C-alpha cells in the first residue's frame, strides 16, 4: 500500500513541476502557444496535482 501512496505523491509532484513550467513559460515573450493556452494548461495540471495529493493524503491517513 505504501508504494501506491508514494505513486500518488510522485505523480502530484510531477504535475506541480509541470504547472511551474507552464507558468514560467507564459511569462516569456514570444512564446507559442499563446499565453492563455499556457495558463489553462497550468491550471489543469495544478488541479490534477491537487487531486492526486488529496488522494495520497487520504490513503495515508486511512492506511494508519
PDB file of N, CA and C in Angstrom:
ATOM      1  N   UNK A   1       0.814  -1.189   0.000  1.00  0.00           N
ATOM      2  CA  UNK A   1       0.000   0.000   0.000  1.00  0.00           C
ATOM      3  C   UNK A   1       0.860   1.256   0.000  1.00  0.00           C
ATOM      4  N   UNK A   2       2.030   1.165   0.631  1.00  0.00           N
ATOM      5  CA  UNK A   2       2.890   2.349   0.695  1.00  0.00           C
ATOM      6  C   UNK A   2       3.427   2.714  -0.689  1.00  0.00           C
ATOM      7  N   UNK A   3       3.575   1.735  -1.558  1.00  0.00           N
ATOM      8  CA  UNK A   3       4.011   2.027  -2.922  1.00  0.00           C
ATOM      9  C   UNK A   3       2.969   2.801  -3.709  1.00  0.00           C
ATOM     10  N   UNK A   4       1.713   2.473  -3.483  1.00  0.00           N
ATOM     11  CA  UNK A   4       0.630   3.186  -4.160  1.00  0.00           C
ATOM     12  C   UNK A   4       0.558   4.623  -3.654  1.00  0.00           C
ATOM     13  N   UNK A   5       0.702   4.795  -2.341  1.00  0.00           N
ATOM     14  CA  UNK A   5       0.679   6.141  -1.761  1.00  0.00           C
ATOM     15  C   UNK A   5       1.843   6.958  -2.294  1.00  0.00           C
ATOM     16  N   UNK A   6       3.024   6.346  -2.349  1.00  0.00           N
ATOM     17  CA  UNK A   6       4.179   7.042  -2.915  1.00  0.00           C
ATOM     18  C   UNK A   6       3.926   7.420  -4.368  1.00  0.00           C
ATOM     19  N   UNK A   7       3.285   6.539  -5.114  1.00  0.00           N
ATOM     20  CA  UNK A   7       2.969   6.829  -6.512  1.00  0.00           C
ATOM     21  C   UNK A   7       2.071   8.042  -6.656  1.00  0.00           C
ATOM     22  N   UNK A   8       1.064   8.157  -5.793  1.00  0.00           N
ATOM     23  CA  UNK A   8       0.187   9.325  -5.847  1.00  0.00           C
ATOM     24  C   UNK A   8       0.960  10.606  -5.552  1.00  0.00           C
ATOM     25  N   UNK A   9       1.830  10.564  -4.542  1.00  0.00           N
ATOM     26  CA  UNK A   9       2.611  11.755  -4.218  1.00  0.00           C
ATOM     27  C   UNK A   9       3.617  12.084  -5.319  1.00  0.00           C
ATOM     28  N   UNK A  10       4.206  11.066  -5.936  1.00  0.00           N
ATOM     29  CA  UNK A  10       5.163  11.305  -7.017  1.00  0.00           C
ATOM     30  C   UNK A  10       4.475  11.919  -8.234  1.00  0.00           C
ATOM     31  N   UNK A  11       3.313  11.404  -8.594  1.00  0.00           N
ATOM     32  CA  UNK A  11       2.577  11.959  -9.735  1.00  0.00           C
ATOM     33  C   UNK A  11       2.140  13.385  -9.441  1.00  0.00           C
ATOM     34  N   UNK A  12       1.721  13.655  -8.201  1.00  0.00           N
ATOM     35  CA  UNK A  12       1.319  15.027  -7.871  1.00  0.00           C
ATOM     36  C   UNK A  12       2.509  15.971  -7.948  1.00  0.00           C
ATOM     37  N   UNK A  13       3.690  15.530  -7.540  1.00  0.00           N
ATOM     38  CA  UNK A  13       4.879  16.373  -7.645  1.00  0.00           C
ATOM     39  C   UNK A  13       5.221  16.649  -9.107  1.00  0.00           C
ATOM     40  N   UNK A  14       5.112  15.640  -9.951  1.00  0.00           N
ATOM     41  CA  UNK A  14       5.388  15.829 -11.381  1.00  0.00           C
ATOM     42  C   UNK A  14       4.400  16.812 -11.988  1.00  0.00           C
ATOM     43  N   UNK A  15       3.134  16.701 -11.614  1.00  0.00           N
ATOM     44  CA  UNK A  15       2.130  17.631 -12.132  1.00  0.00           C
ATOM     45  C   UNK A  15       2.390  19.052 -11.645  1.00  0.00           C
ATOM     46  N   UNK A  16       2.832  19.211 -10.397  1.00  0.00           N
ATOM     47  CA  UNK A  16       3.141  20.549  -9.904  1.00  0.00           C
ATOM     48  C   UNK A  16       4.373  21.129 -10.598  1.00  0.00           C
ATOM     49  N   UNK A  17       5.363  20.289 -10.913  1.00  0.00           N
ATOM     50  CA  UNK A  17       6.517  20.778 -11.679  1.00  0.00           C
ATOM     51  C   UNK A  17       6.090  21.209 -13.077  1.00  0.00           C
ATOM     52  N   UNK A  18       5.176  20.475 -13.681  1.00  0.00           N
ATOM     53  CA  UNK A  18       4.636  20.879 -14.979  1.00  0.00           C
ATOM     54  C   UNK A  18       3.895  22.194 -14.896  1.00  0.00           C
ATOM     55  N   UNK A  19       3.166  22.397 -13.795  1.00  0.00           N
ATOM     56  CA  UNK A  19       2.470  23.662 -13.581  1.00  0.00           C
ATOM     57  C   UNK A  19       3.459  24.812 -13.529  1.00  0.00           C
ATOM     58  N   UNK A  20       4.532  24.635 -12.780  1.00  0.00           N
ATOM     59  CA  UNK A  20       5.557  25.679 -12.674  1.00  0.00           C
ATOM     60  C   UNK A  20       6.169  25.955 -14.036  1.00  0.00           C
ATOM     61  N   UNK A  21       6.415  24.912 -14.805  1.00  0.00           N
ATOM     62  CA  UNK A  21       6.992  25.080 -16.141  1.00  0.00           C
ATOM     63  C   UNK A  21       6.085  25.926 -17.028  1.00  0.00           C
ATOM     64  N   UNK A  22       4.791  25.619 -17.042  1.00  0.00           N
ATOM     65  CA  UNK A  22       3.863  26.365 -17.897  1.00  0.00           C
ATOM     66  C   UNK A  22       3.653  27.792 -17.412  1.00  0.00           C
ATOM     67  N   UNK A  23       3.671  28.012 -16.105  1.00  0.00           N
ATOM     68  CA  UNK A  23       3.529  29.379 -15.591  1.00  0.00           C
ATOM     69  C   UNK A  23       4.737  30.214 -15.990  1.00  0.00           C
ATOM     70  N   UNK A  24       5.924  29.661 -15.853  1.00  0.00           N
ATOM     71  CA  UNK A  24       7.133  30.387 -16.254  1.00  0.00           C
ATOM     72  C   UNK A  24       7.131  30.625 -17.755  1.00  0.00           C
ATOM     73  N   UNK A  25       6.700  29.646 -18.532  1.00  0.00           N
ATOM     74  CA  UNK A  25       6.666  29.800 -19.990  1.00  0.00           C
ATOM     75  C   UNK A  25       5.659  30.858 -20.418  1.00  0.00           C
ATOM     76  N   UNK A  26       4.603  31.047 -19.639  1.00  0.00           N
ATOM     77  CA  UNK A  26       3.600  32.046 -20.022  1.00  0.00           C
ATOM     78  C   UNK A  26       4.114  33.469 -19.851  1.00  0.00           C
ATOM     79  N   UNK A  27       5.158  33.655 -19.060  1.00  0.00           N
ATOM     80  CA  UNK A  27       5.719  34.996 -18.870  1.00  0.00           C
ATOM     81  C   UNK A  27       6.843  35.315 -19.846  1.00  0.00           C
ATOM     82  N   UNK A  28       7.281  34.350 -20.619  1.00  0.00           N
ATOM     83  CA  UNK A  28       8.325  34.607 -21.616  1.00  0.00           C
ATOM     84  C   UNK A  28       7.722  35.303 -22.829  1.00  0.00           C
ATOM     85  N   UNK A  29       8.418  36.279 -23.361  1.00  0.00           N
ATOM     86  CA  UNK A  29       7.878  36.957 -24.550  1.00  0.00           C
ATOM     87  C   UNK A  29       8.029  36.083 -25.791  1.00  0.00           C
ATOM     88  N   UNK A  30       7.062  36.180 -26.672  1.00  0.00           N
ATOM     89  CA  UNK A  30       7.131  35.493 -27.957  1.00  0.00           C
ATOM     90  C   UNK A  30       6.983  33.993 -27.887  1.00  0.00           C
ATOM     91  N   UNK A  31       6.328  33.494 -26.863  1.00  0.00           N
ATOM     92  CA  UNK A  31       6.162  32.044 -26.744  1.00  0.00           C
ATOM     93  C   UNK A  31       4.964  31.583 -27.567  1.00  0.00           C
ATOM     94  N   UNK A  32       5.110  30.402 -28.152  1.00  0.00           N
ATOM     95  CA  UNK A  32       3.971  29.749 -28.783  1.00  0.00           C
ATOM     96  C   UNK A  32       3.767  28.452 -28.040  1.00  0.00           C
ATOM     97  N   UNK A  33       2.649  28.072 -27.634  1.00  0.00           N
ATOM     98  CA  UNK A  33       1.293  28.564 -27.845  1.00  0.00           C
ATOM     99  C   UNK A  33       1.019  29.851 -27.058  1.00  0.00           C
ATOM    100  N   UNK A  34      -0.115  30.475 -27.341  1.00  0.00           N
ATOM    101  CA  UNK A  34      -0.442  31.739 -26.680  1.00  0.00           C
ATOM    102  C   UNK A  34      -0.518  31.608 -25.153  1.00  0.00           C
ATOM    103  N   UNK A  35      -0.374  32.741 -24.496  1.00  0.00           N
ATOM    104  CA  UNK A  35      -0.308  32.749 -23.034  1.00  0.00           C
ATOM    105  C   UNK A  35      -1.570  32.201 -22.379  1.00  0.00           C
ATOM    106  N   UNK A  36      -2.730  32.480 -22.950  1.00  0.00           N
ATOM    107  CA  UNK A  36      -3.953  31.970 -22.316  1.00  0.00           C
ATOM    108  C   UNK A  36      -4.023  30.444 -22.377  1.00  0.00           C
ATOM    109  N   UNK A  37      -3.489  29.847 -23.427  1.00  0.00           N
ATOM    110  CA  UNK A  37      -3.438  28.376 -23.523  1.00  0.00           C
ATOM    111  C   UNK A  37      -2.482  27.823 -22.469  1.00  0.00           C
ATOM    112  N   UNK A  38      -1.333  28.474 -22.300  1.00  0.00           N
ATOM    113  CA  UNK A  38      -0.369  28.019 -21.298  1.00  0.00           C
ATOM    114  C   UNK A  38      -0.951  28.126 -19.890  1.00  0.00           C
ATOM    115  N   UNK A  39      -1.693  29.190 -19.632  1.00  0.00           N
ATOM    116  CA  UNK A  39      -2.299  29.349 -18.310  1.00  0.00           C
ATOM    117  C   UNK A  39      -3.381  28.305 -18.072  1.00  0.00           C
ATOM    118  N   UNK A  40      -4.132  27.945 -19.106  1.00  0.00           N
ATOM    119  CA  UNK A  40      -5.148  26.894 -18.966  1.00  0.00           C
ATOM    120  C   UNK A  40      -4.488  25.547 -18.686  1.00  0.00           C
ATOM    121  N   UNK A  41      -3.386  25.271 -19.382  1.00  0.00           N
ATOM    122  CA  UNK A  41      -2.668  24.014 -19.138  1.00  0.00           C
ATOM    123  C   UNK A  41      -2.127  23.969 -17.716  1.00  0.00           C
ATOM    124  N   UNK A  42      -1.582  25.103 -17.252  1.00  0.00           N
ATOM    125  CA  UNK A  42      -1.066  25.165 -15.884  1.00  0.00           C
ATOM    126  C   UNK A  42      -2.185  24.933 -14.877  1.00  0.00           C
ATOM    127  N   UNK A  43      -3.359  25.495 -15.135  1.00  0.00           N
ATOM    128  CA  UNK A  43      -4.494  25.321 -14.230  1.00  0.00           C
ATOM    129  C   UNK A  43      -4.945  23.860 -14.188  1.00  0.00           C
ATOM    130  N   UNK A  44      -4.975  23.214 -15.335  1.00  0.00           N
ATOM    131  CA  UNK A  44      -5.372  21.798 -15.386  1.00  0.00           C
ATOM    132  C   UNK A  44      -4.356  20.929 -14.646  1.00  0.00           C
ATOM    133  N   UNK A  45      -3.065  21.193 -14.857  1.00  0.00           N
ATOM    134  CA  UNK A  45      -2.042  20.410 -14.164  1.00  0.00           C
ATOM    135  C   UNK A  45      -2.085  20.649 -12.657  1.00  0.00           C
ATOM    136  N   UNK A  46      -2.320  21.892 -12.247  1.00  0.00           N
ATOM    137  CA  UNK A  46      -2.411  22.187 -10.814  1.00  0.00           C
ATOM    138  C   UNK A  46      -3.616  21.489 -10.194  1.00  0.00           C
ATOM    139  N   UNK A  47      -4.731  21.471 -10.902  1.00  0.00           N
ATOM    140  CA  UNK A  47      -5.908  20.765 -10.396  1.00  0.00           C
ATOM    141  C   UNK A  47      -5.668  19.275 -10.271  1.00  0.00           C
ATOM    142  N   UNK A  48      -5.036  18.698 -11.287  1.00  0.00           N
ATOM    143  CA  UNK A  48      -4.713  17.273 -11.224  1.00  0.00           C
ATOM    144  C   UNK A  48      -3.739  16.957 -10.107  1.00  0.00           C
ATOM    145  N   UNK A  49      -2.748  17.824  -9.927  1.00  0.00           N
ATOM    146  CA  UNK A  49      -1.789  17.627  -8.840  1.00  0.00           C
ATOM    147  C   UNK A  49      -2.442  17.720  -7.476  1.00  0.00           C
ATOM    148  N   UNK A  50      -3.373  18.657  -7.334  1.00  0.00           N
ATOM    149  CA  UNK A  50      -4.073  18.804  -6.055  1.00  0.00           C
ATOM    150  C   UNK A  50      -4.948  17.589  -5.764  1.00  0.00           C
ATOM    151  N   UNK A  51      -5.615  17.082  -6.782  1.00  0.00           N
ATOM    152  CA  UNK A  51      -6.460  15.893  -6.591  1.00  0.00           C
ATOM    153  C   UNK A  51      -5.606  14.685  -6.230  1.00  0.00           C
ATOM    154  N   UNK A  52      -4.489  14.508  -6.928  1.00  0.00           N
ATOM    155  CA  UNK A  52      -3.613  13.368  -6.630  1.00  0.00           C
ATOM    156  C   UNK A  52      -3.029  13.476  -5.223  1.00  0.00           C
ATOM    157  N   UNK A  53      -2.667  14.693  -4.813  1.00  0.00           N
ATOM    158  CA  UNK A  53      -2.126  14.866  -3.468  1.00  0.00           C
ATOM    159  C   UNK A  53      -3.202  14.604  -2.417  1.00  0.00           C
ATOM    160  N   UNK A  54      -4.419  15.037  -2.688  1.00  0.00           N
ATOM    161  CA  UNK A  54      -5.520  14.790  -1.758  1.00  0.00           C
ATOM    162  C   UNK A  54      -5.781  13.293  -1.615  1.00  0.00           C
ATOM    163  N   UNK A  55      -5.787  12.577  -2.722  1.00  0.00           N
ATOM    164  CA  UNK A  55      -5.983  11.121  -2.668  1.00  0.00           C
ATOM    165  C   UNK A  55      -4.833  10.464  -1.912  1.00  0.00           C
ATOM    166  N   UNK A  56      -3.611  10.933  -2.141  1.00  0.00           N
ATOM    167  CA  UNK A  56      -2.463  10.395  -1.413  1.00  0.00           C
ATOM    168  C   UNK A  56      -2.578  10.617   0.084  1.00  0.00           C
ATOM    169  N   UNK A  57      -2.989  11.823   0.484  1.00  0.00           N
ATOM    170  CA  UNK A  57      -3.169  12.111   1.907  1.00  0.00           C
ATOM    171  C   UNK A  57      -4.281  11.252   2.507  1.00  0.00           C
ATOM    172  N   UNK A  58      -5.385  11.107   1.781  1.00  0.00           N
ATOM    173  CA  UNK A  58      -6.481  10.278   2.289  1.00  0.00           C
ATOM    174  C   UNK A  58      -6.041   8.826   2.468  1.00  0.00           C
ATOM    175  N   UNK A  59      -5.326   8.296   1.490  1.00  0.00           N
ATOM    176  CA  UNK A  59      -4.835   6.921   1.613  1.00  0.00           C
ATOM    177  C   UNK A  59      -3.828   6.792   2.745  1.00  0.00           C
ATOM    178  N   UNK A  60      -3.023   7.819   2.946  1.00  0.00           N
ATOM    179  CA  UNK A  60      -2.037   7.792   4.022  1.00  0.00           C
ATOM    180  C   UNK A  60      -2.724   7.739   5.381  1.00  0.00           C
ATOM    181  N   UNK A  61      -3.769   8.537   5.555  1.00  0.00           N
ATOM    182  CA  UNK A  61      -4.467   8.540   6.839  1.00  0.00           C
ATOM    183  C   UNK A  61      -5.338   7.300   7.029  1.00  0.00           C
ATOM    184  N   UNK A  62      -5.904   6.774   5.956  1.00  0.00           N
ATOM    185  CA  UNK A  62      -6.704   5.556   6.060  1.00  0.00           C
ATOM    186  C   UNK A  62      -5.808   4.358   6.371  1.00  0.00           C
ATOM    187  N   UNK A  63      -4.607   4.352   5.821  1.00  0.00           N
ATOM    188  CA  UNK A  63      -3.685   3.231   5.980  1.00  0.00           C
ATOM    189  C   UNK A  63      -3.146   3.133   7.405  1.00  0.00           C
ATOM    190  N   UNK A  64      -3.152   4.221   8.157  1.00  0.00           N
ATOM    191  CA  UNK A  64      -2.572   4.180   9.508  1.00  0.00           C
ATOM    192  C   UNK A  64      -3.440   3.498  10.478  1.00  0.00           C
TER     193      UNK A  64
END
